[in-house]
Amino acid sequence: MRHAAQVLKNENQQLREQMKEFIHSKTMSIIQTQAELHHSLLLKTRVLNRTQSDLDKCMKHKEEMRSEMRRLNRKLKRAQEAKQNEDLNLKFC
């Protein structure tokens, strides 16, 4: 009976050691996966920030171009009005 109890105790100890190794192995695997995901997230965040920065620059440039177009349209309109006035003045002179 004592021998059977000792065998069970030894098997129990071996199973505990195997479980500890298994848990350690899985824990290390999870930590490695977390590190890889964190690194990937950092890289994607950098790309996203750079993309957002480029988009912001494009939007600013677009607004500058719209402003310039409005300025040129006003200048063109004034030139056309001046030409019409000049044409009218020549007609009546």
PDB file of N, CA and C in Angstrom:
ATOM      1  N   MET A   1       0.821  -1.199   0.000  1.00  0.00           N
ATOM      2  CA  MET A   1       0.000   0.000   0.000  1.00  0.00           C
ATOM      3  C   MET A   1       0.860   1.256   0.000  1.00  0.00           C
ATOM      4  N   ARG A   2       1.926   1.168   0.834  1.00  0.00           N
ATOM      5  CA  ARG A   2       2.832   2.323   0.879  1.00  0.00           C
ATOM      6  C   ARG A   2       3.508   2.563  -0.459  1.00  0.00           C
ATOM      7  N   HIS A   3       3.852   1.482  -1.086  1.00  0.00           N
ATOM      8  CA  HIS A   3       4.516   1.599  -2.396  1.00  0.00           C
ATOM      9  C   HIS A   3       3.583   2.285  -3.406  1.00  0.00           C
ATOM     10  N   ALA A   4       2.321   1.904  -3.431  1.00  0.00           N
ATOM     11  CA  ALA A   4       1.337   2.492  -4.349  1.00  0.00           C
ATOM     12  C   ALA A   4       1.160   3.967  -4.039  1.00  0.00           C
ATOM     13  N   ALA A   5       1.161   4.316  -2.772  1.00  0.00           N
ATOM     14  CA  ALA A   5       1.020   5.725  -2.382  1.00  0.00           C
ATOM     15  C   ALA A   5       2.241   6.520  -2.845  1.00  0.00           C
ATOM     16  N   GLN A   6       3.418   5.933  -2.722  1.00  0.00           N
ATOM     17  CA  GLN A   6       4.643   6.613  -3.160  1.00  0.00           C
ATOM     18  C   GLN A   6       4.644   6.792  -4.671  1.00  0.00           C
ATOM     19  N   VAL A   7       4.186   5.801  -5.403  1.00  0.00           N
ATOM     20  CA  VAL A   7       4.106   5.877  -6.870  1.00  0.00           C
ATOM     21  C   VAL A   7       3.150   6.992  -7.268  1.00  0.00           C
ATOM     22  N   LEU A   8       1.983   7.034  -6.626  1.00  0.00           N
ATOM     23  CA  LEU A   8       1.017   8.095  -6.922  1.00  0.00           C
ATOM     24  C   LEU A   8       1.586   9.471  -6.591  1.00  0.00           C
ATOM     25  N   LYS A   9       2.317   9.548  -5.483  1.00  0.00           N
ATOM     26  CA  LYS A   9       2.925  10.823  -5.088  1.00  0.00           C
ATOM     27  C   LYS A   9       3.949  11.278  -6.131  1.00  0.00           C
ATOM     28  N   ASN A  10       4.749  10.336  -6.600  1.00  0.00           N
ATOM     29  CA  ASN A  10       5.759  10.656  -7.624  1.00  0.00           C
ATOM     30  C   ASN A  10       5.095  11.086  -8.939  1.00  0.00           C
ATOM     31  N   GLU A  11       4.056  10.355  -9.337  1.00  0.00           N
ATOM     32  CA  GLU A  11       3.335  10.710 -10.562  1.00  0.00           C
ATOM     33  C   GLU A  11       2.696  12.098 -10.427  1.00  0.00           C
ATOM     34  N   ASN A  12       2.136  12.364  -9.259  1.00  0.00           N
ATOM     35  CA  ASN A  12       1.528  13.658  -8.979  1.00  0.00           C
ATOM     36  C   ASN A  12       2.576  14.772  -9.087  1.00  0.00           C
ATOM     37  N   GLN A  13       3.765  14.523  -8.528  1.00  0.00           N
ATOM     38  CA  GLN A  13       4.851  15.506  -8.579  1.00  0.00           C
ATOM     39  C   GLN A  13       5.285  15.742 -10.036  1.00  0.00           C
ATOM     40  N   GLN A  14       5.380  14.657 -10.801  1.00  0.00           N
ATOM     41  CA  GLN A  14       5.763  14.779 -12.215  1.00  0.00           C
ATOM     42  C   GLN A  14       4.717  15.591 -12.993  1.00  0.00           C
ATOM     43  N   LEU A  15       3.441  15.317 -12.721  1.00  0.00           N
ATOM     44  CA  LEU A  15       2.372  16.061 -13.395  1.00  0.00           C
ATOM     45  C   LEU A  15       2.428  17.549 -13.027  1.00  0.00           C
ATOM     46  N   ARG A  16       2.711  17.827 -11.752  1.00  0.00           N
ATOM     47  CA  ARG A  16       2.845  19.238 -11.332  1.00  0.00           C
ATOM     48  C   ARG A  16       3.980  19.926 -12.092  1.00  0.00           C
ATOM     49  N   GLU A  17       5.100  19.243 -12.206  1.00  0.00           N
ATOM     50  CA  GLU A  17       6.247  19.806 -12.927  1.00  0.00           C
ATOM     51  C   GLU A  17       5.908  20.026 -14.404  1.00  0.00           C
ATOM     52  N   GLN A  18       5.235  19.054 -14.993  1.00  0.00           N
ATOM     53  CA  GLN A  18       4.832  19.191 -16.401  1.00  0.00           C
ATOM     54  C   GLN A  18       3.865  20.363 -16.574  1.00  0.00           C
ATOM     55  N   MET A  19       2.929  20.521 -15.634  1.00  0.00           N
ATOM     56  CA  MET A  19       1.982  21.636 -15.700  1.00  0.00           C
ATOM     57  C   MET A  19       2.717  22.966 -15.561  1.00  0.00           C
ATOM     58  N   LYS A  20       3.679  23.039 -14.645  1.00  0.00           N
ATOM     59  CA  LYS A  20       4.463  24.266 -14.476  1.00  0.00           C
ATOM     60  C   LYS A  20       5.198  24.610 -15.768  1.00  0.00           C
ATOM     61  N   GLU A  21       5.827  23.606 -16.387  1.00  0.00           N
ATOM     62  CA  GLU A  21       6.534  23.823 -17.649  1.00  0.00           C
ATOM     63  C   GLU A  21       5.570  24.259 -18.749  1.00  0.00           C
ATOM     64  N   PHE A  22       4.416  23.596 -18.815  1.00  0.00           N
ATOM     65  CA  PHE A  22       3.417  23.928 -19.826  1.00  0.00           C
ATOM     66  C   PHE A  22       2.921  25.372 -19.634  1.00  0.00           C
ATOM     67  N   ILE A  23       2.585  25.714 -18.389  1.00  0.00           N
ATOM     68  CA  ILE A  23       2.097  27.068 -18.097  1.00  0.00           C
ATOM     69  C   ILE A  23       3.181  28.099 -18.412  1.00  0.00           C
ATOM     70  N   HIS A  24       4.409  27.799 -18.047  1.00  0.00           N
ATOM     71  CA  HIS A  24       5.522  28.723 -18.346  1.00  0.00           C
ATOM     72  C   HIS A  24       5.681  28.889 -19.854  1.00  0.00           C
ATOM     73  N   SER A  25       5.626  27.794 -20.582  1.00  0.00           N
ATOM     74  CA  SER A  25       5.768  27.835 -22.030  1.00  0.00           C
ATOM     75  C   SER A  25       4.657  28.676 -22.662  1.00  0.00           C
ATOM     76  N   LYS A  26       3.419  28.445 -22.230  1.00  0.00           N
ATOM     77  CA  LYS A  26       2.291  29.206 -22.781  1.00  0.00           C
ATOM     78  C   LYS A  26       2.373  30.678 -22.397  1.00  0.00           C
ATOM     79  N   THR A  27       2.805  30.951 -21.168  1.00  0.00           N
ATOM     80  CA  THR A  27       2.956  32.339 -20.716  1.00  0.00           C
ATOM     81  C   THR A  27       3.994  33.068 -21.574  1.00  0.00           C
ATOM     82  N   MET A  28       5.107  32.412 -21.827  1.00  0.00           N
ATOM     83  CA  MET A  28       6.152  33.021 -22.656  1.00  0.00           C
ATOM     84  C   MET A  28       5.648  33.239 -24.083  1.00  0.00           C
ATOM     85  N   SER A  29       4.879  32.299 -24.592  1.00  0.00           N
ATOM     86  CA  SER A  29       4.311  32.439 -25.933  1.00  0.00           C
ATOM     87  C   SER A  29       3.355  33.633 -25.995  1.00  0.00           C
ATOM     88  N   ILE A  30       2.539  33.784 -24.962  1.00  0.00           N
ATOM     89  CA  ILE A  30       1.604  34.915 -24.914  1.00  0.00           C
ATOM     90  C   ILE A  30       2.366  36.232 -24.836  1.00  0.00           C
ATOM     91  N   ILE A  31       3.399  36.273 -24.001  1.00  0.00           N
ATOM     92  CA  ILE A  31       4.204  37.496 -23.878  1.00  0.00           C
ATOM     93  C   ILE A  31       4.842  37.846 -25.219  1.00  0.00           C
ATOM     94  N   GLN A  32       5.365  36.844 -25.922  1.00  0.00           N
ATOM     95  CA  GLN A  32       5.984  37.073 -27.237  1.00  0.00           C
ATOM     96  C   GLN A  32       4.943  37.608 -28.222  1.00  0.00           C
ATOM     97  N   THR A  33       3.765  37.010 -28.224  1.00  0.00           N
ATOM     98  CA  THR A  33       2.693  37.460 -29.122  1.00  0.00           C
ATOM     99  C   THR A  33       2.283  38.894 -28.797  1.00  0.00           C
ATOM    100  N   GLN A  34       2.177  39.209 -27.507  1.00  0.00           N
ATOM    101  CA  GLN A  34       1.836  40.576 -27.103  1.00  0.00           C
ATOM    102  C   GLN A  34       2.885  41.560 -27.597  1.00  0.00           C
ATOM    103  N   ALA A  35       4.159  41.190 -27.472  1.00  0.00           N
ATOM    104  CA  ALA A  35       5.244  42.073 -27.924  1.00  0.00           C
ATOM    105  C   ALA A  35       5.159  42.290 -29.437  1.00  0.00           C
ATOM    106  N   GLU A  36       4.889  41.226 -30.179  1.00  0.00           N
ATOM    107  CA  GLU A  36       4.767  41.347 -31.633  1.00  0.00           C
ATOM    108  C   GLU A  36       3.577  42.223 -32.015  1.00  0.00           C
ATOM    109  N   LEU A  37       2.456  42.031 -31.336  1.00  0.00           N
ATOM    110  CA  LEU A  37       1.270  42.847 -31.619  1.00  0.00           C
ATOM    111  C   LEU A  37       1.518  44.311 -31.265  1.00  0.00           C
ATOM    112  N   HIS A  38       2.192  44.543 -30.163  1.00  0.00           N
ATOM    113  CA  HIS A  38       2.501  45.918 -29.750  1.00  0.00           C
ATOM    114  C   HIS A  38       3.395  46.595 -30.797  1.00  0.00           C
ATOM    115  N   HIS A  39       4.411  45.868 -31.256  1.00  0.00           N
ATOM    116  CA  HIS A  39       5.311  46.414 -32.278  1.00  0.00           C
ATOM    117  C   HIS A  39       4.542  46.719 -33.566  1.00  0.00           C
ATOM    118  N   SER A  40       3.687  45.787 -33.973  1.00  0.00           N
ATOM    119  CA  SER A  40       2.882  45.988 -35.179  1.00  0.00           C
ATOM    120  C   SER A  40       1.967  47.199 -35.024  1.00  0.00           C
ATOM    121  N   LEU A  41       1.370  47.325 -33.862  1.00  0.00           N
ATOM    122  CA  LEU A  41       0.495  48.468 -33.596  1.00  0.00           C
ATOM    123  C   LEU A  41       1.268  49.780 -33.665  1.00  0.00           C
ATOM    124  N   LEU A  42       2.473  49.803 -33.116  1.00  0.00           N
ATOM    125  CA  LEU A  42       3.300  51.018 -33.177  1.00  0.00           C
ATOM    126  C   LEU A  42       3.613  51.398 -34.627  1.00  0.00           C
ATOM    127  N   LEU A  43       3.977  50.401 -35.424  1.00  0.00           N
ATOM    128  CA  LEU A  43       4.286  50.664 -36.827  1.00  0.00           C
ATOM    129  C   LEU A  43       3.065  51.201 -37.569  1.00  0.00           C
ATOM    130  N   LYS A  44       1.919  50.576 -37.333  1.00  0.00           N
ATOM    131  CA  LYS A  44       0.694  51.015 -38.008  1.00  0.00           C
ATOM    132  C   LYS A  44       0.275  52.402 -37.541  1.00  0.00           C
ATOM    133  N   THR A  45       0.508  52.698 -36.267  1.00  0.00           N
ATOM    134  CA  THR A  45       0.191  54.026 -35.740  1.00  0.00           C
ATOM    135  C   THR A  45       1.070  55.080 -36.402  1.00  0.00           C
ATOM    136  N   ARG A  46       2.347  54.758 -36.585  1.00  0.00           N
ATOM    137  CA  ARG A  46       3.252  55.702 -37.270  1.00  0.00           C
ATOM    138  C   ARG A  46       2.778  55.970 -38.688  1.00  0.00           C
ATOM    139  N   VAL A  47       2.415  54.904 -39.399  1.00  0.00           N
ATOM    140  CA  VAL A  47       1.930  55.058 -40.775  1.00  0.00           C
ATOM    141  C   VAL A  47       0.660  55.896 -40.787  1.00  0.00           C
ATOM    142  N   LEU A  48      -0.243  55.605 -39.856  1.00  0.00           N
ATOM    143  CA  LEU A  48      -1.498  56.348 -39.780  1.00  0.00           C
ATOM    144  C   LEU A  48      -1.238  57.827 -39.478  1.00  0.00           C
ATOM    145  N   ASN A  49      -0.338  58.101 -38.544  1.00  0.00           N
ATOM    146  CA  ASN A  49      -0.015  59.493 -38.212  1.00  0.00           C
ATOM    147  C   ASN A  49       0.607  60.209 -39.407  1.00  0.00           C
ATOM    148  N   ARG A  50       1.490  59.509 -40.120  1.00  0.00           N
ATOM    149  CA  ARG A  50       2.120  60.103 -41.301  1.00  0.00           C
ATOM    150  C   ARG A  50       1.064  60.354 -42.373  1.00  0.00           C
ATOM    151  N   THR A  51       0.151  59.410 -42.552  1.00  0.00           N
ATOM    152  CA  THR A  51      -0.926  59.554 -43.523  1.00  0.00           C
ATOM    153  C   THR A  51      -1.822  60.733 -43.145  1.00  0.00           C
ATOM    154  N   GLN A  52      -2.138  60.854 -41.863  1.00  0.00           N
ATOM    155  CA  GLN A  52      -2.968  61.965 -41.398  1.00  0.00           C
ATOM    156  C   GLN A  52      -2.252  63.286 -41.625  1.00  0.00           C
ATOM    157  N   SER A  53      -0.956  63.314 -41.374  1.00  0.00           N
ATOM    158  CA  SER A  53      -0.170  64.530 -41.592  1.00  0.00           C
ATOM    159  C   SER A  53      -0.180  64.915 -43.076  1.00  0.00           C
ATOM    160  N   ASP A  54       0.003  63.918 -43.942  1.00  0.00           N
ATOM    161  CA  ASP A  54      -0.040  64.179 -45.384  1.00  0.00           C
ATOM    162  C   ASP A  54      -1.415  64.693 -45.800  1.00  0.00           C
ATOM    163  N   LEU A  55      -2.460  64.092 -45.249  1.00  0.00           N
ATOM    164  CA  LEU A  55      -3.824  64.517 -45.555  1.00  0.00           C
ATOM    165  C   LEU A  55      -4.041  65.962 -45.103  1.00  0.00           C
ATOM    166  N   ASP A  56      -3.566  66.283 -43.906  1.00  0.00           N
ATOM    167  CA  ASP A  56      -3.702  67.654 -43.400  1.00  0.00           C
ATOM    168  C   ASP A  56      -2.992  68.650 -44.317  1.00  0.00           C
ATOM    169  N   LYS A  57      -1.799  68.283 -44.787  1.00  0.00           N
ATOM    170  CA  LYS A  57      -1.060  69.163 -45.700  1.00  0.00           C
ATOM    171  C   LYS A  57      -1.829  69.343 -47.011  1.00  0.00           C
ATOM    172  N   CYS A  58      -2.392  68.253 -47.515  1.00  0.00           N
ATOM    173  CA  CYS A  58      -3.165  68.331 -48.763  1.00  0.00           C
ATOM    174  C   CYS A  58      -4.391  69.223 -48.586  1.00  0.00           C
ATOM    175  N   MET A  59      -5.080  69.076 -47.455  1.00  0.00           N
ATOM    176  CA  MET A  59      -6.266  69.893 -47.208  1.00  0.00           C
ATOM    177  C   MET A  59      -5.877  71.374 -47.099  1.00  0.00           C
ATOM    178  N   LYS A  60      -4.755  71.653 -46.454  1.00  0.00           N
ATOM    179  CA  LYS A  60      -4.287  73.040 -46.334  1.00  0.00           C
ATOM    180  C   LYS A  60      -3.959  73.596 -47.723  1.00  0.00           C
ATOM    181  N   HIS A  61      -3.260  72.803 -48.522  1.00  0.00           N
ATOM    182  CA  HIS A  61      -2.909  73.231 -49.875  1.00  0.00           C
ATOM    183  C   HIS A  61      -4.167  73.457 -50.713  1.00  0.00           C
ATOM    184  N   LYS A  62      -5.142  72.557 -50.570  1.00  0.00           N
ATOM    185  CA  LYS A  62      -6.407  72.688 -51.304  1.00  0.00           C
ATOM    186  C   LYS A  62      -7.085  74.000 -50.934  1.00  0.00           C
ATOM    187  N   GLU A  63      -7.120  74.324 -49.646  1.00  0.00           N
ATOM    188  CA  GLU A  63      -7.748  75.565 -49.193  1.00  0.00           C
ATOM    189  C   GLU A  63      -6.978  76.785 -49.712  1.00  0.00           C
ATOM    190  N   GLU A  64      -5.656  76.690 -49.724  1.00  0.00           N
ATOM    191  CA  GLU A  64      -4.841  77.785 -50.274  1.00  0.00           C
ATOM    192  C   GLU A  64      -5.140  77.982 -51.758  1.00  0.00           C
ATOM    193  N   MET A  65      -5.284  76.881 -52.490  1.00  0.00           N
ATOM    194  CA  MET A  65      -5.576  76.966 -53.916  1.00  0.00           C
ATOM    195  C   MET A  65      -6.978  77.552 -54.153  1.00  0.00           C
ATOM    196  N   ARG A  66      -7.927  77.170 -53.334  1.00  0.00           N
ATOM    197  CA  ARG A  66      -9.276  77.748 -53.453  1.00  0.00           C
ATOM    198  C   ARG A  66      -9.239  79.250 -53.206  1.00  0.00           C
ATOM    199  N   SER A  67      -8.500  79.650 -52.192  1.00  0.00           N
ATOM    200  CA  SER A  67      -8.375  81.065 -51.864  1.00  0.00           C
ATOM    201  C   SER A  67      -7.733  81.823 -53.031  1.00  0.00           C
ATOM    202  N   GLU A  68      -6.686  81.241 -53.594  1.00  0.00           N
ATOM    203  CA  GLU A  68      -6.013  81.860 -54.733  1.00  0.00           C
ATOM    204  C   GLU A  68      -6.955  81.941 -55.932  1.00  0.00           C
ATOM    205  N   MET A  69      -7.751  80.892 -56.148  1.00  0.00           N
ATOM    206  CA  MET A  69      -8.701  80.899 -57.264  1.00  0.00           C
ATOM    207  C   MET A  69      -9.754  82.000 -57.069  1.00  0.00           C
ATOM    208  N   ARG A  70     -10.257  82.147 -55.845  1.00  0.00           N
ATOM    209  CA  ARG A  70     -11.229  83.220 -55.579  1.00  0.00           C
ATOM    210  C   ARG A  70     -10.595  84.591 -55.829  1.00  0.00           C
ATOM    211  N   ARG A  71      -9.330  84.750 -55.396  1.00  0.00           N
ATOM    212  CA  ARG A  71      -8.639  86.027 -55.607  1.00  0.00           C
ATOM    213  C   ARG A  71      -8.484  86.317 -57.104  1.00  0.00           C
ATOM    214  N   LEU A  72      -8.090  85.295 -57.852  1.00  0.00           N
ATOM    215  CA  LEU A  72      -7.919  85.479 -59.296  1.00  0.00           C
ATOM    216  C   LEU A  72      -9.255  85.740 -59.990  1.00  0.00           C
ATOM    217  N   ASN A  73     -10.317  85.077 -59.528  1.00  0.00           N
ATOM    218  CA  ASN A  73     -11.648  85.316 -60.105  1.00  0.00           C
ATOM    219  C   ASN A  73     -12.103  86.756 -59.847  1.00  0.00           C
ATOM    220  N   ARG A  74     -11.826  87.269 -58.633  1.00  0.00           N
ATOM    221  CA  ARG A  74     -12.178  88.670 -58.342  1.00  0.00           C
ATOM    222  C   ARG A  74     -11.377  89.616 -59.241  1.00  0.00           C
ATOM    223  N   LYS A  75     -10.101  89.309 -59.420  1.00  0.00           N
ATOM    224  CA  LYS A  75      -9.242  90.136 -60.271  1.00  0.00           C
ATOM    225  C   LYS A  75      -9.744  90.112 -61.720  1.00  0.00           C
ATOM    226  N   LEU A  76     -10.124  88.919 -62.195  1.00  0.00           N
ATOM    227  CA  LEU A  76     -10.647  88.774 -63.549  1.00  0.00           C
ATOM    228  C   LEU A  76     -11.948  89.566 -63.699  1.00  0.00           C
ATOM    229  N   LYS A  77     -12.823  89.470 -62.711  1.00  0.00           N
ATOM    230  CA  LYS A  77     -14.103  90.187 -62.763  1.00  0.00           C
ATOM    231  C   LYS A  77     -13.863  91.700 -62.818  1.00  0.00           C
ATOM    232  N   ARG A  78     -12.924  92.199 -61.999  1.00  0.00           N
ATOM    233  CA  ARG A  78     -12.613  93.638 -62.030  1.00  0.00           C
ATOM    234  C   ARG A  78     -12.053  94.055 -63.393  1.00  0.00           C
ATOM    235  N   ALA A  79     -11.211  93.192 -63.957  1.00  0.00           N
ATOM    236  CA  ALA A  79     -10.634  93.501 -65.268  1.00  0.00           C
ATOM    237  C   ALA A  79     -11.731  93.526 -66.338  1.00  0.00           C
ATOM    238  N   GLN A  80     -12.670  92.562 -66.244  1.00  0.00           N
ATOM    239  CA  GLN A  80     -13.771  92.541 -67.213  1.00  0.00           C
ATOM    240  C   GLN A  80     -14.656  93.776 -67.059  1.00  0.00           C
ATOM    241  N   GLU A  81     -14.939  94.161 -65.821  1.00  0.00           N
ATOM    242  CA  GLU A  81     -15.747  95.361 -65.592  1.00  0.00           C
ATOM    243  C   GLU A  81     -15.025  96.607 -66.103  1.00  0.00           C
ATOM    244  N   ALA A  82     -13.731  96.679 -65.880  1.00  0.00           N
ATOM    245  CA  ALA A  82     -12.960  97.828 -66.358  1.00  0.00           C
ATOM    246  C   ALA A  82     -12.991  97.873 -67.888  1.00  0.00           C
ATOM    247  N   LYS A  83     -12.883  96.710 -68.520  1.00  0.00           N
ATOM    248  CA  LYS A  83     -12.926  96.665 -69.983  1.00  0.00           C
ATOM    249  C   LYS A  83     -14.296  97.101 -70.478  1.00  0.00           C
ATOM    250  N   GLN A  84     -15.369  96.624 -69.826  1.00  0.00           N
ATOM    251  CA  GLN A  84     -16.724  97.043 -70.224  1.00  0.00           C
ATOM    252  C   GLN A  84     -16.883  98.553 -70.065  1.00  0.00           C
ATOM    253  N   ASN A  85     -16.392  99.086 -68.954  1.00  0.00           N
ATOM    254  CA  ASN A  85     -16.470 100.538 -68.739  1.00  0.00           C
ATOM    255  C   ASN A  85     -15.675 101.292 -69.798  1.00  0.00           C
ATOM    256  N   GLU A  86     -14.528 100.769 -70.126  1.00  0.00           N
ATOM    257  CA  GLU A  86     -13.697 101.405 -71.156  1.00  0.00           C
ATOM    258  C   GLU A  86     -14.405 101.362 -72.504  1.00  0.00           C
ATOM    259  N   ASP A  87     -15.020 100.207 -72.813  1.00  0.00           N
ATOM    260  CA  ASP A  87     -15.755 100.071 -74.070  1.00  0.00           C
ATOM    261  C   ASP A  87     -16.936 101.051 -74.111  1.00  0.00           C
ATOM    262  N   LEU A  88     -17.647 101.182 -72.976  1.00  0.00           N
ATOM    263  CA  LEU A  88     -18.774 102.118 -72.917  1.00  0.00           C
ATOM    264  C   LEU A  88     -18.277 103.560 -73.075  1.00  0.00           C
ATOM    265  N   ASN A  89     -17.179 103.900 -72.449  1.00  0.00           N
ATOM    266  CA  ASN A  89     -16.631 105.256 -72.545  1.00  0.00           C
ATOM    267  C   ASN A  89     -16.232 105.567 -73.981  1.00  0.00           C
ATOM    268  N   LEU A  90     -15.659 104.579 -74.668  1.00  0.00           N
ATOM    269  CA  LEU A  90     -15.265 104.794 -76.053  1.00  0.00           C
ATOM    270  C   LEU A  90     -16.493 104.957 -76.948  1.00  0.00           C
ATOM    271  N   LYS A  91     -17.573 104.246 -76.620  1.00  0.00           N
ATOM    272  CA  LYS A  91     -18.800 104.335 -77.395  1.00  0.00           C
ATOM    273  C   LYS A  91     -19.404 105.730 -77.312  1.00  0.00           C
ATOM    274  N   PHE A  92     -19.394 106.290 -76.106  1.00  0.00           N
ATOM    275  CA  PHE A  92     -20.038 107.585 -75.897  1.00  0.00           C
ATOM    276  C   PHE A  92     -19.138 108.763 -76.242  1.00  0.00           C
ATOM    277  N   CYS A  93     -17.885 108.504 -76.457  1.00  0.00           N
ATOM    278  CA  CYS A  93     -16.989 109.624 -76.797  1.00  0.00           C
ATOM    279  C   CYS A  93     -16.996 109.957 -78.256  1.00  0.00           C
TER     280      CYS A  93
END
